[in-house]
Amino acid sequence: MWSCHAPGLSYDRMRHYAGWSEDNEYYITMKEIHADFFECLLEHVGKIEPEYGFEFDVDRIPDRVQMYQWLNMWGNLTHGARAMVDFPIWLQILPKILFKVINRRDDGIVSYEELRCFYRLFIKLPEDQVETITREAFRALTSSGDFPLTEQVYLMAFANFLLGKTPHGPGKYIFGGFKDCEAGQFQVDYSCLTEPNED
C-alpha cells in the first residue's frame, strides 16, 4: 500500500531542499503538478476498483492506494507513449522542476556534487552507497563525462526512466538507481546533441 498523504510532504521537502520561498514560481508549479498527479491517480483508481468488486465512491478520497492501482496508473500512462509529448502536461513539466531542484546553483548544469547532495540529502540513499551510486549515475547521465548534465540531457534521461525498455539506461538514476544484473548494459549515444540543427 502507498499512503496518499506522504507525497504531500514531497513538494514541501523539494521547496526546502531547493531553498525556494512559498511564492517561488517553481514551488507553485510543483504544487499544481502534485494536484494534477493526484487527480490522475484517483481517476485511475476509480477506473479499476470495480474490476476487483469494490464500489468507488467519488466523494470519498482514499487515503491509501494499493500497489496494483499504482502500477495500473503508470501502465495506462505509458501505454502507447513514444515520447514525453505523449504524456499529460504535468508529467512533461515534472522533470524540468526536478532539474531545478537538483541544480541548486541554478546555472543550468548539474554538477557531480549537486547530484551527490540530492541523493544524500533528498533521496536519502544510505551513506555508504552515496559515493558509489553518484559516480555510476554521473557517468551514465553524462556519457562518461562527454556531455554536461544540462536540462536537455536530464530530460532525455527522465524519458528513458519512463519509456526505457531495459533497466540499464541512464534513466535508472533519476531517483538514485535500481538494482539490476550486469547483462545487457549499454551506453546511450548523446552524439545527436553535438550535430548541427537541420532547418
N, C-alpha and C. Protein backbone atom coordinates (compact mmCIF):
# COMPACT_ATOMS: atom_id res chain seq x y z
N MET A 1 0.84 -1.20 0.00
CA MET A 1 0.00 0.00 0.00
C MET A 1 0.87 1.25 0.00
N TRP A 2 0.31 2.30 -0.53
CA TRP A 2 1.00 3.58 -0.62
C TRP A 2 0.08 4.63 -0.05
N SER A 3 0.58 5.44 0.86
CA SER A 3 -0.26 6.44 1.50
C SER A 3 -0.40 7.68 0.64
N CYS A 4 -1.62 8.14 0.50
CA CYS A 4 -1.87 9.36 -0.28
C CYS A 4 -1.40 10.60 0.45
N HIS A 5 -1.12 10.48 1.74
CA HIS A 5 -0.70 11.66 2.50
C HIS A 5 0.80 11.89 2.39
N ALA A 6 1.58 10.87 2.17
CA ALA A 6 3.03 11.01 2.13
C ALA A 6 3.53 11.94 1.03
N PRO A 7 3.01 11.86 -0.22
CA PRO A 7 3.55 12.74 -1.25
C PRO A 7 3.31 14.21 -0.99
N GLY A 8 2.32 14.54 -0.17
CA GLY A 8 2.10 15.94 0.16
C GLY A 8 3.33 16.55 0.80
N LEU A 9 4.11 15.73 1.45
CA LEU A 9 5.33 16.21 2.07
C LEU A 9 6.41 16.44 1.03
N SER A 10 6.36 15.74 -0.08
CA SER A 10 7.47 15.78 -1.02
C SER A 10 7.63 17.14 -1.68
N TYR A 11 6.54 17.81 -2.04
CA TYR A 11 6.74 19.12 -2.67
C TYR A 11 7.24 20.13 -1.65
N ASP A 12 6.85 19.99 -0.37
CA ASP A 12 7.43 20.85 0.66
C ASP A 12 8.90 20.51 0.89
N ARG A 13 9.20 19.21 0.87
CA ARG A 13 10.61 18.81 1.00
C ARG A 13 11.44 19.36 -0.16
N MET A 14 10.87 19.34 -1.37
CA MET A 14 11.58 19.90 -2.52
C MET A 14 11.81 21.40 -2.33
N ARG A 15 10.80 22.08 -1.83
CA ARG A 15 10.94 23.53 -1.61
C ARG A 15 12.06 23.81 -0.62
N HIS A 16 12.06 23.08 0.49
CA HIS A 16 13.10 23.28 1.50
C HIS A 16 14.48 22.92 0.95
N TYR A 17 14.54 21.79 0.26
CA TYR A 17 15.83 21.36 -0.29
C TYR A 17 16.38 22.38 -1.29
N ALA A 18 15.51 22.88 -2.16
CA ALA A 18 15.94 23.83 -3.19
C ALA A 18 16.13 25.24 -2.65
N GLY A 19 15.61 25.49 -1.44
CA GLY A 19 15.72 26.83 -0.86
C GLY A 19 14.75 27.83 -1.46
N TRP A 20 13.59 27.35 -1.90
CA TRP A 20 12.60 28.21 -2.52
C TRP A 20 11.66 28.78 -1.46
N SER A 21 11.15 29.97 -1.71
CA SER A 21 10.12 30.54 -0.85
C SER A 21 8.77 29.98 -1.29
N GLU A 22 7.74 30.23 -0.49
CA GLU A 22 6.41 29.71 -0.82
C GLU A 22 5.80 30.40 -2.03
N ASP A 23 6.32 31.56 -2.41
CA ASP A 23 5.80 32.23 -3.60
C ASP A 23 6.71 32.04 -4.81
N ASN A 24 7.66 31.13 -4.72
CA ASN A 24 8.55 30.82 -5.84
C ASN A 24 7.75 30.16 -6.96
N GLU A 25 8.00 30.58 -8.20
CA GLU A 25 7.22 30.05 -9.33
C GLU A 25 7.37 28.54 -9.48
N TYR A 26 8.55 28.00 -9.20
CA TYR A 26 8.76 26.56 -9.34
C TYR A 26 8.01 25.80 -8.25
N TYR A 27 7.98 26.36 -7.05
CA TYR A 27 7.24 25.73 -5.96
C TYR A 27 5.74 25.73 -6.27
N ILE A 28 5.23 26.84 -6.76
CA ILE A 28 3.81 26.92 -7.11
C ILE A 28 3.49 25.92 -8.22
N THR A 29 4.37 25.82 -9.21
CA THR A 29 4.18 24.84 -10.28
C THR A 29 4.21 23.43 -9.72
N MET A 30 5.13 23.17 -8.78
CA MET A 30 5.22 21.84 -8.18
C MET A 30 3.92 21.48 -7.45
N LYS A 31 3.32 22.43 -6.76
CA LYS A 31 2.05 22.18 -6.08
C LYS A 31 0.95 21.85 -7.10
N GLU A 32 0.96 22.56 -8.23
CA GLU A 32 -0.04 22.28 -9.28
C GLU A 32 0.18 20.89 -9.88
N ILE A 33 1.43 20.52 -10.08
CA ILE A 33 1.75 19.18 -10.59
C ILE A 33 1.26 18.13 -9.60
N HIS A 34 1.48 18.39 -8.32
CA HIS A 34 1.04 17.47 -7.26
C HIS A 34 -0.47 17.27 -7.32
N ALA A 35 -1.22 18.37 -7.47
CA ALA A 35 -2.68 18.28 -7.54
C ALA A 35 -3.12 17.51 -8.79
N ASP A 36 -2.49 17.79 -9.92
CA ASP A 36 -2.82 17.08 -11.17
C ASP A 36 -2.47 15.60 -11.08
N PHE A 37 -1.34 15.31 -10.44
CA PHE A 37 -0.93 13.92 -10.25
C PHE A 37 -1.99 13.16 -9.46
N PHE A 38 -2.47 13.75 -8.36
CA PHE A 38 -3.47 13.05 -7.56
C PHE A 38 -4.80 12.93 -8.28
N GLU A 39 -5.15 13.91 -9.06
CA GLU A 39 -6.36 13.80 -9.87
C GLU A 39 -6.24 12.61 -10.83
N CYS A 40 -5.08 12.49 -11.45
CA CYS A 40 -4.81 11.38 -12.37
C CYS A 40 -4.85 10.05 -11.62
N LEU A 41 -4.19 10.00 -10.47
CA LEU A 41 -4.16 8.77 -9.68
C LEU A 41 -5.56 8.35 -9.27
N LEU A 42 -6.35 9.28 -8.76
CA LEU A 42 -7.71 8.95 -8.32
C LEU A 42 -8.59 8.54 -9.49
N GLU A 43 -8.37 9.16 -10.64
CA GLU A 43 -9.11 8.77 -11.84
C GLU A 43 -8.82 7.31 -12.19
N HIS A 44 -7.57 6.91 -12.10
CA HIS A 44 -7.20 5.54 -12.43
C HIS A 44 -7.64 4.56 -11.34
N VAL A 45 -7.61 4.99 -10.09
CA VAL A 45 -8.10 4.13 -9.01
C VAL A 45 -9.59 3.88 -9.23
N GLY A 46 -10.33 4.91 -9.59
CA GLY A 46 -11.76 4.77 -9.85
C GLY A 46 -12.06 3.86 -11.02
N LYS A 47 -11.18 3.87 -12.01
CA LYS A 47 -11.39 3.03 -13.19
C LYS A 47 -11.21 1.56 -12.89
N ILE A 48 -10.32 1.23 -11.97
CA ILE A 48 -10.02 -0.19 -11.79
C ILE A 48 -10.67 -0.81 -10.56
N GLU A 49 -11.17 -0.02 -9.64
CA GLU A 49 -11.79 -0.60 -8.45
C GLU A 49 -12.93 -1.56 -8.79
N PRO A 50 -13.85 -1.21 -9.71
CA PRO A 50 -14.96 -2.13 -9.99
C PRO A 50 -14.50 -3.50 -10.48
N GLU A 51 -13.34 -3.57 -11.13
CA GLU A 51 -12.82 -4.86 -11.58
C GLU A 51 -12.57 -5.80 -10.41
N TYR A 52 -12.31 -5.22 -9.25
CA TYR A 52 -12.00 -6.04 -8.08
C TYR A 52 -13.19 -6.17 -7.15
N GLY A 53 -14.36 -5.76 -7.62
CA GLY A 53 -15.58 -5.96 -6.86
C GLY A 53 -15.87 -4.90 -5.82
N PHE A 54 -15.20 -3.76 -5.90
CA PHE A 54 -15.44 -2.69 -4.94
C PHE A 54 -16.15 -1.54 -5.63
N GLU A 55 -16.98 -0.86 -4.90
CA GLU A 55 -17.59 0.35 -5.43
C GLU A 55 -16.65 1.51 -5.15
N PHE A 56 -16.53 2.39 -6.11
CA PHE A 56 -15.68 3.56 -5.92
C PHE A 56 -16.57 4.75 -5.62
N ASP A 57 -16.38 5.34 -4.46
CA ASP A 57 -17.16 6.49 -4.03
C ASP A 57 -16.37 7.75 -4.37
N VAL A 58 -16.83 8.49 -5.38
CA VAL A 58 -16.09 9.67 -5.83
C VAL A 58 -16.07 10.77 -4.78
N ASP A 59 -16.99 10.72 -3.81
CA ASP A 59 -17.00 11.73 -2.75
C ASP A 59 -16.00 11.40 -1.64
N ARG A 60 -15.49 10.18 -1.64
CA ARG A 60 -14.53 9.78 -0.62
C ARG A 60 -13.18 9.57 -1.28
N ILE A 61 -12.21 10.33 -0.85
CA ILE A 61 -10.86 10.18 -1.39
C ILE A 61 -10.15 9.12 -0.57
N PRO A 62 -9.67 8.07 -1.21
CA PRO A 62 -8.98 7.02 -0.46
C PRO A 62 -7.70 7.55 0.16
N ASP A 63 -7.36 7.05 1.34
CA ASP A 63 -6.12 7.51 1.97
C ASP A 63 -4.95 6.58 1.66
N ARG A 64 -5.24 5.48 0.99
CA ARG A 64 -4.18 4.56 0.59
C ARG A 64 -4.47 4.03 -0.81
N VAL A 65 -3.40 3.77 -1.52
CA VAL A 65 -3.51 3.21 -2.86
C VAL A 65 -2.75 1.89 -2.87
N GLN A 66 -3.38 0.86 -3.36
CA GLN A 66 -2.73 -0.44 -3.43
C GLN A 66 -1.69 -0.45 -4.56
N MET A 67 -0.72 -1.34 -4.46
CA MET A 67 0.33 -1.43 -5.46
C MET A 67 -0.24 -1.68 -6.86
N TYR A 68 -1.25 -2.54 -6.97
CA TYR A 68 -1.82 -2.82 -8.29
C TYR A 68 -2.45 -1.56 -8.88
N GLN A 69 -3.01 -0.69 -8.04
CA GLN A 69 -3.60 0.56 -8.52
C GLN A 69 -2.51 1.52 -9.02
N TRP A 70 -1.44 1.59 -8.24
CA TRP A 70 -0.30 2.45 -8.60
C TRP A 70 0.29 2.00 -9.93
N LEU A 71 0.53 0.70 -10.06
CA LEU A 71 1.12 0.17 -11.29
C LEU A 71 0.17 0.30 -12.47
N ASN A 72 -1.12 0.15 -12.21
CA ASN A 72 -2.11 0.30 -13.28
C ASN A 72 -2.10 1.73 -13.82
N MET A 73 -2.00 2.72 -12.91
CA MET A 73 -1.96 4.10 -13.37
C MET A 73 -0.76 4.32 -14.28
N TRP A 74 0.42 3.88 -13.84
CA TRP A 74 1.62 4.08 -14.65
C TRP A 74 1.58 3.26 -15.93
N GLY A 75 0.98 2.08 -15.87
CA GLY A 75 0.82 1.28 -17.08
C GLY A 75 -0.06 1.98 -18.11
N ASN A 76 -1.14 2.59 -17.63
CA ASN A 76 -2.03 3.34 -18.54
C ASN A 76 -1.34 4.58 -19.10
N LEU A 77 -0.56 5.26 -18.27
CA LEU A 77 0.13 6.47 -18.74
C LEU A 77 1.19 6.16 -19.78
N THR A 78 1.90 5.05 -19.59
CA THR A 78 3.00 4.73 -20.51
C THR A 78 2.54 3.93 -21.73
N HIS A 79 1.36 3.33 -21.65
CA HIS A 79 0.88 2.52 -22.77
C HIS A 79 0.78 3.36 -24.05
N GLY A 80 1.49 2.93 -25.06
CA GLY A 80 1.46 3.62 -26.35
C GLY A 80 2.30 4.88 -26.43
N ALA A 81 2.90 5.30 -25.32
CA ALA A 81 3.72 6.52 -25.34
C ALA A 81 5.05 6.23 -26.02
N ARG A 82 5.47 7.15 -26.86
CA ARG A 82 6.76 7.01 -27.56
C ARG A 82 7.71 8.15 -27.22
N ALA A 83 7.17 9.22 -26.68
CA ALA A 83 7.98 10.39 -26.33
C ALA A 83 7.29 11.13 -25.19
N MET A 84 7.98 12.07 -24.59
CA MET A 84 7.42 12.82 -23.47
C MET A 84 6.15 13.58 -23.87
N VAL A 85 6.04 13.99 -25.13
CA VAL A 85 4.85 14.73 -25.56
C VAL A 85 3.59 13.87 -25.51
N ASP A 86 3.75 12.55 -25.38
CA ASP A 86 2.60 11.66 -25.29
C ASP A 86 2.04 11.57 -23.87
N PHE A 87 2.70 12.21 -22.92
CA PHE A 87 2.26 12.17 -21.52
C PHE A 87 1.46 13.42 -21.18
N PRO A 88 0.68 13.37 -20.08
CA PRO A 88 -0.03 14.58 -19.64
C PRO A 88 0.98 15.71 -19.37
N ILE A 89 0.52 16.92 -19.49
CA ILE A 89 1.40 18.08 -19.36
C ILE A 89 2.11 18.12 -18.00
N TRP A 90 1.41 17.69 -16.94
CA TRP A 90 2.05 17.72 -15.62
C TRP A 90 3.27 16.81 -15.58
N LEU A 91 3.22 15.70 -16.30
CA LEU A 91 4.35 14.78 -16.32
C LEU A 91 5.46 15.28 -17.24
N GLN A 92 5.12 16.11 -18.20
CA GLN A 92 6.15 16.73 -19.04
C GLN A 92 6.90 17.82 -18.28
N ILE A 93 6.21 18.49 -17.37
CA ILE A 93 6.82 19.58 -16.61
C ILE A 93 7.60 19.06 -15.40
N LEU A 94 7.19 17.94 -14.84
CA LEU A 94 7.83 17.40 -13.63
C LEU A 94 9.35 17.29 -13.74
N PRO A 95 9.92 16.70 -14.80
CA PRO A 95 11.39 16.61 -14.83
C PRO A 95 12.08 17.97 -14.91
N LYS A 96 11.42 18.96 -15.47
CA LYS A 96 12.01 20.30 -15.52
C LYS A 96 12.12 20.88 -14.11
N ILE A 97 11.09 20.62 -13.30
CA ILE A 97 11.12 21.09 -11.91
C ILE A 97 12.15 20.30 -11.12
N LEU A 98 12.20 18.99 -11.32
CA LEU A 98 13.20 18.18 -10.62
C LEU A 98 14.62 18.64 -10.96
N PHE A 99 14.85 18.99 -12.21
CA PHE A 99 16.16 19.51 -12.60
C PHE A 99 16.49 20.77 -11.80
N LYS A 100 15.50 21.66 -11.66
CA LYS A 100 15.71 22.90 -10.90
C LYS A 100 15.99 22.59 -9.43
N VAL A 101 15.33 21.57 -8.89
CA VAL A 101 15.57 21.17 -7.50
C VAL A 101 17.02 20.71 -7.33
N ILE A 102 17.48 19.86 -8.24
CA ILE A 102 18.84 19.32 -8.14
C ILE A 102 19.88 20.40 -8.40
N ASN A 103 19.66 21.24 -9.39
CA ASN A 103 20.61 22.28 -9.78
C ASN A 103 20.46 23.51 -8.88
N ARG A 104 20.88 23.36 -7.63
CA ARG A 104 20.68 24.40 -6.63
C ARG A 104 21.43 25.69 -6.95
N ARG A 105 22.52 25.60 -7.71
CA ARG A 105 23.25 26.81 -8.11
C ARG A 105 22.51 27.55 -9.22
N ASP A 106 21.55 26.88 -9.82
CA ASP A 106 20.72 27.46 -10.89
C ASP A 106 21.57 28.00 -12.05
N ASP A 107 22.61 27.22 -12.41
CA ASP A 107 23.47 27.63 -13.52
C ASP A 107 23.22 26.82 -14.79
N GLY A 108 22.20 25.93 -14.75
CA GLY A 108 21.84 25.16 -15.94
C GLY A 108 22.61 23.88 -16.14
N ILE A 109 23.55 23.57 -15.25
CA ILE A 109 24.33 22.33 -15.35
C ILE A 109 24.43 21.71 -13.96
N VAL A 110 23.94 20.47 -13.83
CA VAL A 110 24.04 19.77 -12.55
C VAL A 110 25.46 19.26 -12.41
N SER A 111 26.10 19.63 -11.31
CA SER A 111 27.46 19.17 -11.05
C SER A 111 27.42 17.83 -10.32
N TYR A 112 28.57 17.18 -10.27
CA TYR A 112 28.70 15.92 -9.54
C TYR A 112 28.28 16.14 -8.08
N GLU A 113 28.74 17.22 -7.50
CA GLU A 113 28.45 17.50 -6.09
C GLU A 113 26.95 17.74 -5.88
N GLU A 114 26.30 18.44 -6.79
CA GLU A 114 24.86 18.67 -6.67
C GLU A 114 24.09 17.36 -6.74
N LEU A 115 24.49 16.48 -7.64
CA LEU A 115 23.82 15.18 -7.76
C LEU A 115 24.04 14.36 -6.49
N ARG A 116 25.27 14.39 -5.97
CA ARG A 116 25.59 13.66 -4.74
C ARG A 116 24.75 14.19 -3.57
N CYS A 117 24.65 15.50 -3.45
CA CYS A 117 23.84 16.10 -2.38
C CYS A 117 22.37 15.72 -2.51
N PHE A 118 21.86 15.72 -3.74
CA PHE A 118 20.47 15.33 -3.97
C PHE A 118 20.23 13.90 -3.51
N TYR A 119 21.12 13.00 -3.87
CA TYR A 119 20.97 11.60 -3.45
C TYR A 119 21.09 11.45 -1.94
N ARG A 120 22.02 12.18 -1.36
CA ARG A 120 22.28 12.03 0.08
C ARG A 120 21.22 12.72 0.93
N LEU A 121 20.88 13.96 0.60
CA LEU A 121 20.01 14.75 1.46
C LEU A 121 18.53 14.66 1.11
N PHE A 122 18.21 14.51 -0.18
CA PHE A 122 16.80 14.46 -0.56
C PHE A 122 16.31 13.02 -0.73
N ILE A 123 17.00 12.25 -1.55
CA ILE A 123 16.60 10.85 -1.75
C ILE A 123 16.93 10.02 -0.52
N LYS A 124 17.95 10.45 0.23
CA LYS A 124 18.38 9.79 1.47
C LYS A 124 18.90 8.37 1.22
N LEU A 125 19.78 8.27 0.23
CA LEU A 125 20.45 6.99 0.00
C LEU A 125 21.30 6.66 1.22
N PRO A 126 21.53 5.38 1.47
CA PRO A 126 22.41 5.01 2.59
C PRO A 126 23.79 5.65 2.41
N GLU A 127 24.32 6.17 3.50
CA GLU A 127 25.58 6.91 3.48
C GLU A 127 26.71 6.12 2.81
N ASP A 128 26.74 4.82 3.03
CA ASP A 128 27.83 4.00 2.47
C ASP A 128 27.67 3.74 0.97
N GLN A 129 26.53 4.12 0.39
CA GLN A 129 26.29 3.89 -1.04
C GLN A 129 26.29 5.18 -1.87
N VAL A 130 26.23 6.31 -1.21
CA VAL A 130 26.06 7.59 -1.92
C VAL A 130 27.16 7.82 -2.94
N GLU A 131 28.41 7.67 -2.54
CA GLU A 131 29.52 7.97 -3.44
C GLU A 131 29.54 7.03 -4.64
N THR A 132 29.36 5.74 -4.40
CA THR A 132 29.38 4.75 -5.49
C THR A 132 28.24 5.00 -6.48
N ILE A 133 27.04 5.20 -5.95
CA ILE A 133 25.88 5.41 -6.83
C ILE A 133 26.02 6.73 -7.58
N THR A 134 26.50 7.77 -6.91
CA THR A 134 26.67 9.06 -7.59
C THR A 134 27.68 8.93 -8.73
N ARG A 135 28.76 8.22 -8.48
CA ARG A 135 29.79 8.03 -9.52
C ARG A 135 29.19 7.31 -10.72
N GLU A 136 28.46 6.21 -10.47
CA GLU A 136 27.82 5.45 -11.55
C GLU A 136 26.80 6.32 -12.28
N ALA A 137 25.99 7.03 -11.51
CA ALA A 137 24.93 7.86 -12.09
C ALA A 137 25.50 8.98 -12.94
N PHE A 138 26.49 9.67 -12.42
CA PHE A 138 27.06 10.79 -13.16
C PHE A 138 27.71 10.31 -14.44
N ARG A 139 28.37 9.16 -14.37
CA ARG A 139 28.98 8.59 -15.57
C ARG A 139 27.90 8.25 -16.60
N ALA A 140 26.81 7.63 -16.16
CA ALA A 140 25.73 7.25 -17.08
C ALA A 140 25.00 8.47 -17.63
N LEU A 141 24.73 9.45 -16.78
CA LEU A 141 23.96 10.62 -17.19
C LEU A 141 24.75 11.58 -18.08
N THR A 142 26.08 11.52 -18.01
CA THR A 142 26.91 12.43 -18.81
C THR A 142 27.67 11.70 -19.91
N SER A 143 27.34 10.44 -20.15
CA SER A 143 28.05 9.63 -21.14
C SER A 143 29.55 9.66 -20.86
N SER A 144 29.88 9.25 -19.63
CA SER A 144 31.28 9.20 -19.15
C SER A 144 31.96 10.56 -19.19
N GLY A 145 31.19 11.61 -18.94
CA GLY A 145 31.75 12.95 -18.88
C GLY A 145 31.83 13.67 -20.21
N ASP A 146 31.35 13.04 -21.28
CA ASP A 146 31.41 13.68 -22.60
C ASP A 146 30.45 14.86 -22.74
N PHE A 147 29.37 14.85 -21.97
CA PHE A 147 28.36 15.90 -22.06
C PHE A 147 28.02 16.41 -20.67
N PRO A 148 27.86 17.71 -20.51
CA PRO A 148 27.44 18.23 -19.21
C PRO A 148 26.00 17.82 -18.93
N LEU A 149 25.67 17.71 -17.66
CA LEU A 149 24.32 17.31 -17.26
C LEU A 149 23.42 18.55 -17.28
N THR A 150 23.04 18.92 -18.50
CA THR A 150 22.15 20.07 -18.71
C THR A 150 20.70 19.62 -18.55
N GLU A 151 19.80 20.57 -18.63
CA GLU A 151 18.37 20.23 -18.54
C GLU A 151 17.97 19.32 -19.70
N GLN A 152 18.48 19.59 -20.89
CA GLN A 152 18.14 18.76 -22.05
C GLN A 152 18.58 17.31 -21.83
N VAL A 153 19.78 17.11 -21.32
CA VAL A 153 20.28 15.76 -21.06
C VAL A 153 19.45 15.10 -19.96
N TYR A 154 19.11 15.87 -18.92
CA TYR A 154 18.30 15.34 -17.83
C TYR A 154 16.91 14.93 -18.33
N LEU A 155 16.33 15.73 -19.22
CA LEU A 155 15.01 15.41 -19.77
C LEU A 155 15.05 14.12 -20.58
N MET A 156 16.15 13.91 -21.32
CA MET A 156 16.29 12.65 -22.07
C MET A 156 16.42 11.47 -21.10
N ALA A 157 17.14 11.66 -20.01
CA ALA A 157 17.28 10.58 -19.02
C ALA A 157 15.94 10.29 -18.36
N PHE A 158 15.15 11.34 -18.10
CA PHE A 158 13.83 11.14 -17.50
C PHE A 158 12.92 10.39 -18.46
N ALA A 159 12.99 10.72 -19.74
CA ALA A 159 12.22 9.99 -20.75
C ALA A 159 12.65 8.53 -20.78
N ASN A 160 13.96 8.28 -20.63
CA ASN A 160 14.46 6.91 -20.56
C ASN A 160 13.91 6.20 -19.32
N PHE A 161 13.79 6.93 -18.21
CA PHE A 161 13.23 6.38 -16.98
C PHE A 161 11.80 5.89 -17.21
N LEU A 162 11.00 6.69 -17.92
CA LEU A 162 9.61 6.33 -18.16
C LEU A 162 9.42 5.34 -19.30
N LEU A 163 10.23 5.47 -20.34
CA LEU A 163 9.97 4.73 -21.58
C LEU A 163 11.01 3.66 -21.90
N GLY A 164 12.10 3.60 -21.14
CA GLY A 164 13.15 2.64 -21.45
C GLY A 164 12.66 1.21 -21.41
N LYS A 165 13.13 0.42 -22.34
CA LYS A 165 12.70 -0.98 -22.44
C LYS A 165 13.53 -1.90 -21.56
N THR A 166 14.69 -1.44 -21.11
CA THR A 166 15.53 -2.24 -20.21
C THR A 166 15.88 -1.37 -19.00
N PRO A 167 16.31 -1.99 -17.91
CA PRO A 167 16.66 -1.21 -16.72
C PRO A 167 18.09 -0.67 -16.74
N HIS A 168 18.74 -0.66 -17.90
CA HIS A 168 20.15 -0.32 -17.94
C HIS A 168 20.46 1.07 -18.46
N GLY A 169 19.48 1.85 -18.81
CA GLY A 169 19.74 3.19 -19.33
C GLY A 169 20.01 4.18 -18.21
N PRO A 170 20.38 5.40 -18.56
CA PRO A 170 20.68 6.40 -17.55
C PRO A 170 19.46 6.82 -16.73
N GLY A 171 18.26 6.56 -17.25
CA GLY A 171 17.05 6.91 -16.52
C GLY A 171 16.92 6.21 -15.19
N LYS A 172 17.60 5.09 -15.03
CA LYS A 172 17.50 4.36 -13.76
C LYS A 172 18.08 5.16 -12.60
N TYR A 173 18.85 6.22 -12.90
CA TYR A 173 19.47 7.01 -11.84
C TYR A 173 18.70 8.28 -11.49
N ILE A 174 17.54 8.48 -12.08
CA ILE A 174 16.76 9.68 -11.79
C ILE A 174 16.48 9.79 -10.29
N PHE A 175 16.13 8.67 -9.66
CA PHE A 175 15.83 8.67 -8.23
C PHE A 175 16.83 7.84 -7.44
N GLY A 176 18.05 7.75 -7.93
CA GLY A 176 19.10 7.09 -7.17
C GLY A 176 19.50 5.72 -7.67
N GLY A 177 18.76 5.15 -8.58
CA GLY A 177 19.16 3.88 -9.16
C GLY A 177 18.35 2.70 -8.66
N PHE A 178 18.44 1.64 -9.42
CA PHE A 178 17.76 0.39 -9.11
C PHE A 178 18.76 -0.73 -9.21
N LYS A 179 18.54 -1.77 -8.45
CA LYS A 179 19.41 -2.94 -8.56
C LYS A 179 19.07 -3.67 -9.85
N ASP A 180 20.10 -4.11 -10.55
CA ASP A 180 19.87 -4.90 -11.75
C ASP A 180 21.06 -5.81 -11.98
N CYS A 181 20.95 -6.62 -13.00
CA CYS A 181 22.05 -7.51 -13.33
C CYS A 181 22.97 -6.80 -14.31
N GLU A 182 24.15 -7.34 -14.49
CA GLU A 182 25.13 -6.73 -15.39
C GLU A 182 24.86 -7.04 -16.86
N ALA A 183 24.04 -8.04 -17.14
CA ALA A 183 23.82 -8.47 -18.52
C ALA A 183 23.08 -7.40 -19.31
N GLY A 184 23.55 -7.13 -20.50
CA GLY A 184 22.83 -6.27 -21.43
C GLY A 184 23.00 -4.78 -21.22
N GLN A 185 23.98 -4.33 -20.45
CA GLN A 185 24.15 -2.90 -20.27
C GLN A 185 24.59 -2.25 -21.57
N PHE A 186 24.22 -1.00 -21.74
CA PHE A 186 24.59 -0.29 -22.96
C PHE A 186 24.88 1.17 -22.63
N GLN A 187 25.59 1.81 -23.51
CA GLN A 187 25.86 3.24 -23.40
C GLN A 187 24.82 3.99 -24.24
N VAL A 188 24.38 5.12 -23.75
CA VAL A 188 23.47 5.96 -24.51
C VAL A 188 24.30 6.85 -25.42
N ASP A 189 23.91 6.96 -26.67
CA ASP A 189 24.63 7.78 -27.64
C ASP A 189 24.05 9.19 -27.62
N TYR A 190 24.82 10.12 -27.08
CA TYR A 190 24.40 11.51 -27.00
C TYR A 190 24.94 12.33 -28.17
N SER A 191 25.47 11.68 -29.19
CA SER A 191 26.10 12.42 -30.29
C SER A 191 25.14 13.36 -31.00
N CYS A 192 23.85 13.07 -30.94
CA CYS A 192 22.87 13.95 -31.59
C CYS A 192 22.90 15.36 -30.98
N LEU A 193 23.41 15.47 -29.77
CA LEU A 193 23.49 16.79 -29.14
C LEU A 193 24.56 17.67 -29.77
N THR A 194 25.55 17.05 -30.41
CA THR A 194 26.64 17.83 -30.98
C THR A 194 26.46 18.09 -32.47
N GLU A 195 25.48 17.43 -33.08
CA GLU A 195 25.23 17.64 -34.50
C GLU A 195 24.45 18.93 -34.71
N PRO A 196 24.76 19.68 -35.78
CA PRO A 196 24.05 20.94 -36.03
C PRO A 196 22.57 20.69 -36.33
N ASN A 197 21.76 21.65 -35.94
CA ASN A 197 20.32 21.55 -36.22
C ASN A 197 20.07 21.69 -37.71
N GLU A 198 19.15 20.88 -38.21
CA GLU A 198 18.75 20.99 -39.61
C GLU A 198 17.52 21.88 -39.68
N ASP A 199 17.60 22.92 -40.45
CA ASP A 199 16.46 23.85 -40.56
C ASP A 199 15.58 23.52 -41.73
